[in-house]
Amino acid sequence: MPAEKIPGWIERLLLPKLSEISGDIKAVNGRIDALESNMNTRFDSVNTCIDSVETQIGSLRNETKTEINSVRNEIISLRNETKSEFTALNYRIDSLDKRIPVIE
């Protein structure tokens, strides 16, 4: 077989296969691009959900702090009222002690 004929023969044999492989590669690239786009959309969605959860946690944290401070203030108020009541009670007892003669 002459050397000039081998390249033509190889070309006729391989060119259709190379074209087919090239088409397959383009199809795979298209699928990869679609998958990448889909994954980016999902990651964006997940990030949005995470941001929403973080915002809700921050809001809940602030509400909890507010409630705790409110309860703390109520406790302080009750403590002051109780002290005041005990002070008034002590004055009454002292007053009664002064009025009642001590039996010796």
C-alpha atoms as a PDB file:
ATOM      1  CA  MET A   1       0.000   0.000   0.000  1.00  0.00           C
ATOM      2  CA  PRO A   2       1.463   3.364  -0.952  1.00  0.00           C
ATOM      3  CA  ALA A   3       2.135   5.894   1.777  1.00  0.00           C
ATOM      4  CA  GLU A   4      -0.181   8.486   0.155  1.00  0.00           C
ATOM      5  CA  LYS A   5      -3.183   6.192   0.480  1.00  0.00           C
ATOM      6  CA  ILE A   6      -2.826   5.445   4.215  1.00  0.00           C
ATOM      7  CA  PRO A   7      -3.715   8.948   5.441  1.00  0.00           C
ATOM      8  CA  GLY A   8      -6.867   9.002   3.253  1.00  0.00           C
ATOM      9  CA  TRP A   9      -7.885   5.572   4.422  1.00  0.00           C
ATOM     10  CA  ILE A  10      -7.303   6.526   8.090  1.00  0.00           C
ATOM     11  CA  GLU A  11      -9.168   9.779   7.525  1.00  0.00           C
ATOM     12  CA  ARG A  12     -12.195   7.995   6.051  1.00  0.00           C
ATOM     13  CA  LEU A  13     -12.196   5.486   8.898  1.00  0.00           C
ATOM     14  CA  LEU A  14     -11.523   7.818  11.818  1.00  0.00           C
ATOM     15  CA  LEU A  15     -13.265  11.067  10.807  1.00  0.00           C
ATOM     16  CA  PRO A  16     -16.811   9.781  11.461  1.00  0.00           C
ATOM     17  CA  LYS A  17     -15.721   8.366  14.816  1.00  0.00           C
ATOM     18  CA  LEU A  18     -13.975  11.643  15.750  1.00  0.00           C
ATOM     19  CA  SER A  19     -17.084  13.601  14.788  1.00  0.00           C
ATOM     20  CA  GLU A  20     -19.209  11.274  16.892  1.00  0.00           C
ATOM     21  CA  ILE A  21     -16.836  11.624  19.861  1.00  0.00           C
ATOM     22  CA  SER A  22     -16.847  15.406  19.409  1.00  0.00           C
ATOM     23  CA  GLY A  23     -20.654  15.409  19.505  1.00  0.00           C
ATOM     24  CA  ASP A  24     -20.642  13.246  22.615  1.00  0.00           C
ATOM     25  CA  ILE A  25     -18.189  15.603  24.306  1.00  0.00           C
ATOM     26  CA  LYS A  26     -20.401  18.596  23.468  1.00  0.00           C
ATOM     27  CA  ALA A  27     -23.414  16.749  24.899  1.00  0.00           C
ATOM     28  CA  VAL A  28     -21.492  15.918  28.085  1.00  0.00           C
ATOM     29  CA  ASN A  29     -20.399  19.550  28.375  1.00  0.00           C
ATOM     30  CA  GLY A  30     -24.028  20.623  27.997  1.00  0.00           C
ATOM     31  CA  ARG A  31     -25.076  18.249  30.752  1.00  0.00           C
ATOM     32  CA  ILE A  32     -22.265  19.470  33.006  1.00  0.00           C
ATOM     33  CA  ASP A  33     -23.286  23.096  32.390  1.00  0.00           C
ATOM     34  CA  ALA A  34     -26.936  22.271  33.182  1.00  0.00           C
ATOM     35  CA  LEU A  35     -25.910  20.390  36.322  1.00  0.00           C
ATOM     36  CA  GLU A  36     -23.662  23.252  37.415  1.00  0.00           C
ATOM     37  CA  SER A  37     -26.480  25.740  36.868  1.00  0.00           C
ATOM     38  CA  ASN A  38     -28.890  23.520  38.788  1.00  0.00           C
ATOM     39  CA  MET A  39     -26.422  23.123  41.656  1.00  0.00           C
ATOM     40  CA  ASN A  40     -25.800  26.880  41.779  1.00  0.00           C
ATOM     41  CA  THR A  41     -29.540  27.459  41.981  1.00  0.00           C
ATOM     42  CA  ARG A  42     -29.838  24.922  44.793  1.00  0.00           C
ATOM     43  CA  PHE A  43     -26.872  26.401  46.663  1.00  0.00           C
ATOM     44  CA  ASP A  44     -28.426  29.854  46.339  1.00  0.00           C
ATOM     45  CA  SER A  45     -31.683  28.451  47.684  1.00  0.00           C
ATOM     46  CA  VAL A  46     -29.902  26.778  50.601  1.00  0.00           C
ATOM     47  CA  ASN A  47     -27.988  29.993  51.350  1.00  0.00           C
ATOM     48  CA  THR A  48     -31.254  31.925  51.325  1.00  0.00           C
ATOM     49  CA  CYS A  49     -32.742  29.418  53.782  1.00  0.00           C
ATOM     50  CA  ILE A  50     -29.671  29.663  56.001  1.00  0.00           C
ATOM     51  CA  ASP A  51     -29.876  33.469  55.953  1.00  0.00           C
ATOM     52  CA  SER A  52     -33.563  33.256  56.876  1.00  0.00           C
ATOM     53  CA  VAL A  53     -32.859  30.856  59.746  1.00  0.00           C
ATOM     54  CA  GLU A  54     -30.021  33.082  60.998  1.00  0.00           C
ATOM     55  CA  THR A  55     -32.358  36.090  60.894  1.00  0.00           C
ATOM     56  CA  GLN A  56     -35.037  34.174  62.798  1.00  0.00           C
ATOM     57  CA  ILE A  57     -32.491  33.012  65.376  1.00  0.00           C
ATOM     58  CA  GLY A  58     -31.295  36.593  65.829  1.00  0.00           C
ATOM     59  CA  SER A  59     -34.874  37.776  66.241  1.00  0.00           C
ATOM     60  CA  LEU A  60     -35.615  34.992  68.722  1.00  0.00           C
ATOM     61  CA  ARG A  61     -32.435  35.849  70.638  1.00  0.00           C
ATOM     62  CA  ASN A  62     -33.502  39.493  70.872  1.00  0.00           C
ATOM     63  CA  GLU A  63     -37.027  38.555  71.957  1.00  0.00           C
ATOM     64  CA  THR A  64     -35.600  36.202  74.577  1.00  0.00           C
ATOM     65  CA  LYS A  65     -33.274  38.901  75.913  1.00  0.00           C
ATOM     66  CA  THR A  66     -36.203  41.311  76.098  1.00  0.00           C
ATOM     67  CA  GLU A  67     -38.344  38.772  77.946  1.00  0.00           C
ATOM     68  CA  ILE A  68     -35.512  37.925  80.352  1.00  0.00           C
ATOM     69  CA  ASN A  69     -34.968  41.615  81.085  1.00  0.00           C
ATOM     70  CA  SER A  70     -38.699  42.048  81.627  1.00  0.00           C
ATOM     71  CA  VAL A  71     -38.794  39.125  84.061  1.00  0.00           C
ATOM     72  CA  ARG A  72     -35.681  40.449  85.793  1.00  0.00           C
ATOM     73  CA  ASN A  73     -37.332  43.852  86.227  1.00  0.00           C
ATOM     74  CA  GLU A  74     -40.492  42.227  87.603  1.00  0.00           C
ATOM     75  CA  ILE A  75     -38.403  40.239  90.095  1.00  0.00           C
ATOM     76  CA  ILE A  76     -36.622  43.409  91.212  1.00  0.00           C
ATOM     77  CA  SER A  77     -39.972  45.156  91.572  1.00  0.00           C
ATOM     78  CA  LEU A  78     -41.402  42.283  93.624  1.00  0.00           C
ATOM     79  CA  ARG A  79     -38.274  42.220  95.777  1.00  0.00           C
ATOM     80  CA  ASN A  80     -38.636  45.946  96.462  1.00  0.00           C
ATOM     81  CA  GLU A  81     -42.336  45.537  97.276  1.00  0.00           C
ATOM     82  CA  THR A  82     -41.540  42.656  99.617  1.00  0.00           C
ATOM     83  CA  LYS A  83     -38.832  44.688 101.361  1.00  0.00           C
ATOM     84  CA  SER A  84     -41.271  47.554 101.740  1.00  0.00           C
ATOM     85  CA  GLU A  85     -43.939  45.259 103.195  1.00  0.00           C
ATOM     86  CA  PHE A  86     -41.462  43.737 105.648  1.00  0.00           C
ATOM     87  CA  THR A  87     -40.263  47.191 106.661  1.00  0.00           C
ATOM     88  CA  ALA A  88     -43.869  48.265 107.299  1.00  0.00           C
ATOM     89  CA  LEU A  89     -44.475  45.065 109.239  1.00  0.00           C
ATOM     90  CA  ASN A  90     -41.362  45.682 111.348  1.00  0.00           C
ATOM     91  CA  TYR A  91     -42.600  49.211 112.159  1.00  0.00           C
ATOM     92  CA  ARG A  92     -45.969  47.828 113.240  1.00  0.00           C
ATOM     93  CA  ILE A  93     -44.357  45.188 115.429  1.00  0.00           C
ATOM     94  CA  ASP A  94     -42.090  47.830 116.978  1.00  0.00           C
ATOM     95  CA  SER A  95     -45.119  50.041 117.594  1.00  0.00           C
ATOM     96  CA  LEU A  96     -46.950  47.161 119.255  1.00  0.00           C
ATOM     97  CA  ASP A  97     -43.897  46.388 121.374  1.00  0.00           C
ATOM     98  CA  LYS A  98     -43.853  49.970 122.641  1.00  0.00           C
ATOM     99  CA  ARG A  99     -47.544  49.877 123.531  1.00  0.00           C
ATOM    100  CA  ILE A 100     -47.592  46.518 125.299  1.00  0.00           C
ATOM    101  CA  PRO A 101     -45.951  46.603 128.701  1.00  0.00           C
ATOM    102  CA  VAL A 102     -43.366  43.953 129.157  1.00  0.00           C
ATOM    103  CA  ILE A 103     -44.243  41.533 131.948  1.00  0.00           C
ATOM    104  CA  GLU A 104     -41.290  40.961 134.111  1.00  0.00           C
END
